[in-house]
Amino acid sequence: MEPTLNDGDYILARPAHRAQPHDIVICRHPYVKNKIIIKRAIKIEAEGLQVAGDNPGASTDSESFGLIPWVHLISTVTSTM
């Protein structure tokens, strides 16, 4: 699958404490301090989000680092330009 976002794209996002499946989310990486990631929410669980990249060949996701705890969710993307 081709990536939804490319270098140089602009996004509009809103602060969030929860997300829905298929939302594009902005989160703090669960293990790498000060790293922000943009992924697609795949599955919602009580403990957090399972996320995946839209370009799996060039992306890491919950299969490699596990669930994103809810406290690491920063915002959800509302629009891309």
PDB file of N, CA and C in Angstrom:
ATOM      1  N   MET A   1       0.837  -1.176   0.000  1.00  0.00           N
ATOM      2  CA  MET A   1       0.000   0.000   0.000  1.00  0.00           C
ATOM      3  C   MET A   1       0.879   1.234   0.000  1.00  0.00           C
ATOM      4  N   GLU A   2       0.485   2.232  -0.723  1.00  0.00           N
ATOM      5  CA  GLU A   2       1.218   3.494  -0.754  1.00  0.00           C
ATOM      6  C   GLU A   2       0.986   4.268   0.540  1.00  0.00           C
ATOM      7  N   PRO A   3       1.967   5.041   0.986  1.00  0.00           N
ATOM      8  CA  PRO A   3       1.772   5.833   2.194  1.00  0.00           C
ATOM      9  C   PRO A   3       0.700   6.911   1.976  1.00  0.00           C
ATOM     10  N   THR A   4      -0.073   7.170   3.015  1.00  0.00           N
ATOM     11  CA  THR A   4      -1.084   8.222   2.963  1.00  0.00           C
ATOM     12  C   THR A   4      -0.428   9.586   3.035  1.00  0.00           C
ATOM     13  N   LEU A   5       0.632   9.687   3.837  1.00  0.00           N
ATOM     14  CA  LEU A   5       1.343  10.948   4.018  1.00  0.00           C
ATOM     15  C   LEU A   5       2.731  10.839   3.401  1.00  0.00           C
ATOM     16  N   ASN A   6       3.164  11.904   2.783  1.00  0.00           N
ATOM     17  CA  ASN A   6       4.493  11.968   2.185  1.00  0.00           C
ATOM     18  C   ASN A   6       5.260  13.122   2.797  1.00  0.00           C
ATOM     19  N   ASP A   7       6.590  13.104   2.673  1.00  0.00           N
ATOM     20  CA  ASP A   7       7.403  14.218   3.153  1.00  0.00           C
ATOM     21  C   ASP A   7       6.887  15.506   2.543  1.00  0.00           C
ATOM     22  N   GLY A   8       6.727  16.514   3.381  1.00  0.00           N
ATOM     23  CA  GLY A   8       6.267  17.813   2.916  1.00  0.00           C
ATOM     24  C   GLY A   8       4.764  18.001   2.998  1.00  0.00           C
ATOM     25  N   ASP A   9       4.002  16.934   3.245  1.00  0.00           N
ATOM     26  CA  ASP A   9       2.553  17.071   3.399  1.00  0.00           C
ATOM     27  C   ASP A   9       2.241  17.830   4.681  1.00  0.00           C
ATOM     28  N   TYR A  10       1.128  18.523   4.674  1.00  0.00           N
ATOM     29  CA  TYR A  10       0.621  19.200   5.860  1.00  0.00           C
ATOM     30  C   TYR A  10      -0.550  18.406   6.406  1.00  0.00           C
ATOM     31  N   ILE A  11      -0.698  18.434   7.730  1.00  0.00           N
ATOM     32  CA  ILE A  11      -1.833  17.769   8.348  1.00  0.00           C
ATOM     33  C   ILE A  11      -2.508  18.727   9.323  1.00  0.00           C
ATOM     34  N   LEU A  12      -3.785  18.518   9.541  1.00  0.00           N
ATOM     35  CA  LEU A  12      -4.512  19.180  10.611  1.00  0.00           C
ATOM     36  C   LEU A  12      -4.864  18.088  11.610  1.00  0.00           C
ATOM     37  N   ALA A  13      -4.656  18.374  12.879  1.00  0.00           N
ATOM     38  CA  ALA A  13      -4.916  17.371  13.902  1.00  0.00           C
ATOM     39  C   ALA A  13      -5.593  18.039  15.094  1.00  0.00           C
ATOM     40  N   ARG A  14      -6.297  17.223  15.852  1.00  0.00           N
ATOM     41  CA  ARG A  14      -6.935  17.730  17.064  1.00  0.00           C
ATOM     42  C   ARG A  14      -6.468  16.893  18.248  1.00  0.00           C
ATOM     43  N   PRO A  15      -6.283  17.526  19.400  1.00  0.00           N
ATOM     44  CA  PRO A  15      -5.883  16.775  20.582  1.00  0.00           C
ATOM     45  C   PRO A  15      -6.899  15.663  20.851  1.00  0.00           C
ATOM     46  N   ALA A  16      -6.419  14.527  21.319  1.00  0.00           N
ATOM     47  CA  ALA A  16      -7.318  13.397  21.562  1.00  0.00           C
ATOM     48  C   ALA A  16      -6.826  12.552  22.720  1.00  0.00           C
ATOM     49  N   HIS A  17      -7.779  11.935  23.394  1.00  0.00           N
ATOM     50  CA  HIS A  17      -7.471  10.972  24.444  1.00  0.00           C
ATOM     51  C   HIS A  17      -7.903   9.575  24.027  1.00  0.00           C
ATOM     52  N   ARG A  18      -8.667   9.492  22.949  1.00  0.00           N
ATOM     53  CA  ARG A  18      -9.142   8.223  22.393  1.00  0.00           C
ATOM     54  C   ARG A  18      -9.105   8.321  20.875  1.00  0.00           C
ATOM     55  N   ALA A  19      -9.153   7.165  20.229  1.00  0.00           N
ATOM     56  CA  ALA A  19      -9.171   7.116  18.765  1.00  0.00           C
ATOM     57  C   ALA A  19     -10.093   5.989  18.337  1.00  0.00           C
ATOM     58  N   GLN A  20     -10.424   5.976  17.069  1.00  0.00           N
ATOM     59  CA  GLN A  20     -11.258   4.936  16.478  1.00  0.00           C
ATOM     60  C   GLN A  20     -10.413   4.151  15.479  1.00  0.00           C
ATOM     61  N   PRO A  21     -10.793   2.901  15.194  1.00  0.00           N
ATOM     62  CA  PRO A  21     -10.079   2.160  14.160  1.00  0.00           C
ATOM     63  C   PRO A  21     -10.057   2.944  12.849  1.00  0.00           C
ATOM     64  N   HIS A  22      -8.951   2.910  12.165  1.00  0.00           N
ATOM     65  CA  HIS A  22      -8.693   3.574  10.883  1.00  0.00           C
ATOM     66  C   HIS A  22      -8.308   5.046  11.022  1.00  0.00           C
ATOM     67  N   ASP A  23      -8.376   5.625  12.229  1.00  0.00           N
ATOM     68  CA  ASP A  23      -7.896   6.995  12.426  1.00  0.00           C
ATOM     69  C   ASP A  23      -6.389   7.038  12.220  1.00  0.00           C
ATOM     70  N   ILE A  24      -5.894   8.131  11.676  1.00  0.00           N
ATOM     71  CA  ILE A  24      -4.458   8.387  11.668  1.00  0.00           C
ATOM     72  C   ILE A  24      -4.165   9.118  12.968  1.00  0.00           C
ATOM     73  N   VAL A  25      -3.187   8.606  13.720  1.00  0.00           N
ATOM     74  CA  VAL A  25      -2.909   9.143  15.047  1.00  0.00           C
ATOM     75  C   VAL A  25      -1.462   9.614  15.155  1.00  0.00           C
ATOM     76  N   ILE A  26      -1.259  10.589  16.004  1.00  0.00           N
ATOM     77  CA  ILE A  26       0.075  11.089  16.330  1.00  0.00           C
ATOM     78  C   ILE A  26       0.320  10.693  17.781  1.00  0.00           C
ATOM     79  N   CYS A  27       1.429   9.977  18.009  1.00  0.00           N
ATOM     80  CA  CYS A  27       1.724   9.426  19.339  1.00  0.00           C
ATOM     81  C   CYS A  27       3.194   9.582  19.672  1.00  0.00           C
ATOM     82  N   ARG A  28       3.480   9.471  20.962  1.00  0.00           N
ATOM     83  CA  ARG A  28       4.859   9.321  21.392  1.00  0.00           C
ATOM     84  C   ARG A  28       5.226   7.853  21.218  1.00  0.00           C
ATOM     85  N   HIS A  29       6.424   7.591  20.739  1.00  0.00           N
ATOM     86  CA  HIS A  29       6.892   6.210  20.584  1.00  0.00           C
ATOM     87  C   HIS A  29       6.933   5.566  21.967  1.00  0.00           C
ATOM     88  N   PRO A  30       6.507   4.313  22.096  1.00  0.00           N
ATOM     89  CA  PRO A  30       6.458   3.706  23.432  1.00  0.00           C
ATOM     90  C   PRO A  30       7.824   3.454  24.074  1.00  0.00           C
ATOM     91  N   TYR A  31       8.914   3.377  23.275  1.00  0.00           N
ATOM     92  CA  TYR A  31      10.228   3.067  23.840  1.00  0.00           C
ATOM     93  C   TYR A  31      11.317   4.076  23.522  1.00  0.00           C
ATOM     94  N   VAL A  32      11.150   4.864  22.490  1.00  0.00           N
ATOM     95  CA  VAL A  32      12.186   5.819  22.087  1.00  0.00           C
ATOM     96  C   VAL A  32      11.777   7.207  22.583  1.00  0.00           C
ATOM     97  N   LYS A  33      12.487   7.687  23.589  1.00  0.00           N
ATOM     98  CA  LYS A  33      12.160   8.970  24.200  1.00  0.00           C
ATOM     99  C   LYS A  33      12.259  10.097  23.171  1.00  0.00           C
ATOM    100  N   ASN A  34      11.335  11.016  23.224  1.00  0.00           N
ATOM    101  CA  ASN A  34      11.275  12.208  22.367  1.00  0.00           C
ATOM    102  C   ASN A  34      11.048  11.897  20.889  1.00  0.00           C
ATOM    103  N   LYS A  35      10.569  10.707  20.564  1.00  0.00           N
ATOM    104  CA  LYS A  35      10.260  10.376  19.173  1.00  0.00           C
ATOM    105  C   LYS A  35       8.746  10.367  18.995  1.00  0.00           C
ATOM    106  N   ILE A  36       8.282  11.125  18.007  1.00  0.00           N
ATOM    107  CA  ILE A  36       6.863  11.204  17.684  1.00  0.00           C
ATOM    108  C   ILE A  36       6.627  10.374  16.424  1.00  0.00           C
ATOM    109  N   ILE A  37       5.556   9.593  16.424  1.00  0.00           N
ATOM    110  CA  ILE A  37       5.233   8.760  15.268  1.00  0.00           C
ATOM    111  C   ILE A  37       3.812   9.052  14.792  1.00  0.00           C
ATOM    112  N   ILE A  38       3.594   8.867  13.500  1.00  0.00           N
ATOM    113  CA  ILE A  38       2.267   8.994  12.896  1.00  0.00           C
ATOM    114  C   ILE A  38       1.938   7.639  12.293  1.00  0.00           C
ATOM    115  N   LYS A  39       0.850   7.047  12.765  1.00  0.00           N
ATOM    116  CA  LYS A  39       0.448   5.700  12.338  1.00  0.00           C
ATOM    117  C   LYS A  39      -1.069   5.658  12.185  1.00  0.00           C
ATOM    118  N   ARG A  40      -1.546   4.545  11.657  1.00  0.00           N
ATOM    119  CA  ARG A  40      -2.985   4.318  11.560  1.00  0.00           C
ATOM    120  C   ARG A  40      -3.403   3.372  12.686  1.00  0.00           C
ATOM    121  N   ALA A  41      -4.458   3.754  13.417  1.00  0.00           N
ATOM    122  CA  ALA A  41      -5.012   2.894  14.461  1.00  0.00           C
ATOM    123  C   ALA A  41      -5.680   1.701  13.792  1.00  0.00           C
ATOM    124  N   ILE A  42      -5.293   0.507  14.199  1.00  0.00           N
ATOM    125  CA  ILE A  42      -5.833  -0.715  13.621  1.00  0.00           C
ATOM    126  C   ILE A  42      -6.850  -1.350  14.561  1.00  0.00           C
ATOM    127  N   LYS A  43      -6.471  -1.433  15.827  1.00  0.00           N
ATOM    128  CA  LYS A  43      -7.332  -2.075  16.809  1.00  0.00           C
ATOM    129  C   LYS A  43      -7.292  -1.266  18.095  1.00  0.00           C
ATOM    130  N   ILE A  44      -8.442  -1.131  18.713  1.00  0.00           N
ATOM    131  CA  ILE A  44      -8.555  -0.372  19.955  1.00  0.00           C
ATOM    132  C   ILE A  44      -8.727  -1.369  21.094  1.00  0.00           C
ATOM    133  N   GLU A  45      -7.898  -1.240  22.115  1.00  0.00           N
ATOM    134  CA  GLU A  45      -7.996  -2.107  23.281  1.00  0.00           C
ATOM    135  C   GLU A  45      -8.024  -1.244  24.530  1.00  0.00           C
ATOM    136  N   ALA A  46      -8.419  -1.830  25.642  1.00  0.00           N
ATOM    137  CA  ALA A  46      -8.500  -1.074  26.892  1.00  0.00           C
ATOM    138  C   ALA A  46      -7.147  -0.487  27.277  1.00  0.00           C
ATOM    139  N   GLU A  47      -6.066  -1.208  26.984  1.00  0.00           N
ATOM    140  CA  GLU A  47      -4.723  -0.764  27.372  1.00  0.00           C
ATOM    141  C   GLU A  47      -4.126   0.245  26.407  1.00  0.00           C
ATOM    142  N   GLY A  48      -4.627   0.301  25.170  1.00  0.00           N
ATOM    143  CA  GLY A  48      -4.051   1.232  24.205  1.00  0.00           C
ATOM    144  C   GLY A  48      -4.411   0.889  22.775  1.00  0.00           C
ATOM    145  N   LEU A  49      -3.602   1.421  21.871  1.00  0.00           N
ATOM    146  CA  LEU A  49      -3.848   1.286  20.439  1.00  0.00           C
ATOM    147  C   LEU A  49      -2.891   0.298  19.797  1.00  0.00           C
ATOM    148  N   GLN A  50      -3.413  -0.509  18.910  1.00  0.00           N
ATOM    149  CA  GLN A  50      -2.557  -1.279  18.015  1.00  0.00           C
ATOM    150  C   GLN A  50      -2.477  -0.440  16.748  1.00  0.00           C
ATOM    151  N   VAL A  51      -1.269  -0.140  16.300  1.00  0.00           N
ATOM    152  CA  VAL A  51      -1.086   0.742  15.146  1.00  0.00           C
ATOM    153  C   VAL A  51      -0.258   0.067  14.063  1.00  0.00           C
ATOM    154  N   ALA A  52      -0.415   0.577  12.844  1.00  0.00           N
ATOM    155  CA  ALA A  52       0.375   0.088  11.710  1.00  0.00           C
ATOM    156  C   ALA A  52       0.647   1.257  10.780  1.00  0.00           C
ATOM    157  N   GLY A  53       1.725   1.155  10.036  1.00  0.00           N
ATOM    158  CA  GLY A  53       2.029   2.147   9.021  1.00  0.00           C
ATOM    159  C   GLY A  53       1.306   1.804   7.729  1.00  0.00           C
ATOM    160  N   ASP A  54       0.977   2.811   6.930  1.00  0.00           N
ATOM    161  CA  ASP A  54       0.308   2.578   5.650  1.00  0.00           C
ATOM    162  C   ASP A  54       1.259   2.025   4.599  1.00  0.00           C
ATOM    163  N   ASN A  55       2.551   2.091   4.856  1.00  0.00           N
ATOM    164  CA  ASN A  55       3.553   1.570   3.937  1.00  0.00           C
ATOM    165  C   ASN A  55       4.377   0.526   4.696  1.00  0.00           C
ATOM    166  N   PRO A  56       3.833  -0.694   4.861  1.00  0.00           N
ATOM    167  CA  PRO A  56       4.463  -1.666   5.754  1.00  0.00           C
ATOM    168  C   PRO A  56       5.897  -2.045   5.408  1.00  0.00           C
ATOM    169  N   GLY A  57       6.282  -1.939   4.153  1.00  0.00           N
ATOM    170  CA  GLY A  57       7.648  -2.277   3.772  1.00  0.00           C
ATOM    171  C   GLY A  57       8.684  -1.305   4.303  1.00  0.00           C
ATOM    172  N   ALA A  58       8.248  -0.101   4.671  1.00  0.00           N
ATOM    173  CA  ALA A  58       9.179   0.932   5.138  1.00  0.00           C
ATOM    174  C   ALA A  58       8.745   1.503   6.477  1.00  0.00           C
ATOM    175  N   SER A  59       8.073   0.685   7.291  1.00  0.00           N
ATOM    176  CA  SER A  59       7.486   1.212   8.509  1.00  0.00           C
ATOM    177  C   SER A  59       7.574   0.188   9.632  1.00  0.00           C
ATOM    178  N   THR A  60       7.625   0.677  10.867  1.00  0.00           N
ATOM    179  CA  THR A  60       7.486  -0.198  12.023  1.00  0.00           C
ATOM    180  C   THR A  60       6.076   0.000  12.582  1.00  0.00           C
ATOM    181  N   ASP A  61       5.630  -0.972  13.354  1.00  0.00           N
ATOM    182  CA  ASP A  61       4.278  -0.876  13.882  1.00  0.00           C
ATOM    183  C   ASP A  61       4.162  -1.678  15.168  1.00  0.00           C
ATOM    184  N   SER A  62       2.942  -1.908  15.609  1.00  0.00           N
ATOM    185  CA  SER A  62       2.724  -2.615  16.875  1.00  0.00           C
ATOM    186  C   SER A  62       3.271  -4.030  16.871  1.00  0.00           C
ATOM    187  N   GLU A  63       3.467  -4.618  15.714  1.00  0.00           N
ATOM    188  CA  GLU A  63       4.080  -5.950  15.690  1.00  0.00           C
ATOM    189  C   GLU A  63       5.511  -5.902  16.209  1.00  0.00           C
ATOM    190  N   SER A  64       6.184  -4.763  16.046  1.00  0.00           N
ATOM    191  CA  SER A  64       7.565  -4.664  16.520  1.00  0.00           C
ATOM    192  C   SER A  64       7.674  -4.003  17.890  1.00  0.00           C
ATOM    193  N   PHE A  65       6.775  -3.074  18.245  1.00  0.00           N
ATOM    194  CA  PHE A  65       6.915  -2.407  19.540  1.00  0.00           C
ATOM    195  C   PHE A  65       5.707  -2.539  20.455  1.00  0.00           C
ATOM    196  N   GLY A  66       4.684  -3.270  20.065  1.00  0.00           N
ATOM    197  CA  GLY A  66       3.534  -3.507  20.936  1.00  0.00           C
ATOM    198  C   GLY A  66       2.508  -2.389  20.891  1.00  0.00           C
ATOM    199  N   LEU A  67       1.598  -2.428  21.839  1.00  0.00           N
ATOM    200  CA  LEU A  67       0.534  -1.427  21.914  1.00  0.00           C
ATOM    201  C   LEU A  67       1.095  -0.062  22.284  1.00  0.00           C
ATOM    202  N   ILE A  68       0.432   0.967  21.794  1.00  0.00           N
ATOM    203  CA  ILE A  68       0.730   2.338  22.201  1.00  0.00           C
ATOM    204  C   ILE A  68      -0.201   2.650  23.379  1.00  0.00           C
ATOM    205  N   PRO A  69       0.333   2.873  24.576  1.00  0.00           N
ATOM    206  CA  PRO A  69      -0.541   3.198  25.707  1.00  0.00           C
ATOM    207  C   PRO A  69      -1.330   4.483  25.435  1.00  0.00           C
ATOM    208  N   TRP A  70      -2.547   4.558  25.960  1.00  0.00           N
ATOM    209  CA  TRP A  70      -3.397   5.731  25.726  1.00  0.00           C
ATOM    210  C   TRP A  70      -2.702   7.030  26.141  1.00  0.00           C
ATOM    211  N   VAL A  71      -1.884   7.005  27.173  1.00  0.00           N
ATOM    212  CA  VAL A  71      -1.215   8.234  27.615  1.00  0.00           C
ATOM    213  C   VAL A  71      -0.213   8.739  26.584  1.00  0.00           C
ATOM    214  N   HIS A  72       0.171   7.915  25.615  1.00  0.00           N
ATOM    215  CA  HIS A  72       1.105   8.330  24.565  1.00  0.00           C
ATOM    216  C   HIS A  72       0.399   8.934  23.360  1.00  0.00           C
ATOM    217  N   LEU A  73      -0.933   8.835  23.309  1.00  0.00           N
ATOM    218  CA  LEU A  73      -1.684   9.433  22.203  1.00  0.00           C
ATOM    219  C   LEU A  73      -1.677  10.943  22.353  1.00  0.00           C
ATOM    220  N   ILE A  74      -1.272  11.642  21.302  1.00  0.00           N
ATOM    221  CA  ILE A  74      -1.235  13.102  21.312  1.00  0.00           C
ATOM    222  C   ILE A  74      -2.461  13.665  20.606  1.00  0.00           C
ATOM    223  N   SER A  75      -2.714  13.190  19.377  1.00  0.00           N
ATOM    224  CA  SER A  75      -3.835  13.740  18.619  1.00  0.00           C
ATOM    225  C   SER A  75      -4.248  12.788  17.506  1.00  0.00           C
ATOM    226  N   THR A  76      -5.387  13.102  16.894  1.00  0.00           N
ATOM    227  CA  THR A  76      -5.834  12.382  15.704  1.00  0.00           C
ATOM    228  C   THR A  76      -5.824  13.350  14.538  1.00  0.00           C
ATOM    229  N   VAL A  77      -5.480  12.848  13.377  1.00  0.00           N
ATOM    230  CA  VAL A  77      -5.415  13.675  12.176  1.00  0.00           C
ATOM    231  C   VAL A  77      -6.819  13.841  11.626  1.00  0.00           C
ATOM    232  N   THR A  78      -7.192  15.084  11.354  1.00  0.00           N
ATOM    233  CA  THR A  78      -8.537  15.366  10.826  1.00  0.00           C
ATOM    234  C   THR A  78      -8.514  15.620   9.330  1.00  0.00           C
ATOM    235  N   SER A  79      -7.358  16.029   8.802  1.00  0.00           N
ATOM    236  CA  SER A  79      -7.278  16.354   7.380  1.00  0.00           C
ATOM    237  C   SER A  79      -5.829  16.366   6.925  1.00  0.00           C
ATOM    238  N   THR A  80      -5.602  16.011   5.665  1.00  0.00           N
ATOM    239  CA  THR A  80      -4.259  16.075   5.085  1.00  0.00           C
ATOM    240  C   THR A  80      -4.298  16.974   3.864  1.00  0.00           C
ATOM    241  N   MET A  81      -3.169  17.639   3.606  1.00  0.00           N
ATOM    242  CA  MET A  81      -3.077  18.534   2.444  1.00  0.00           C
ATOM    243  C   MET A  81      -1.769  18.298   1.723  1.00  0.00           C
TER     244      MET A  81
END
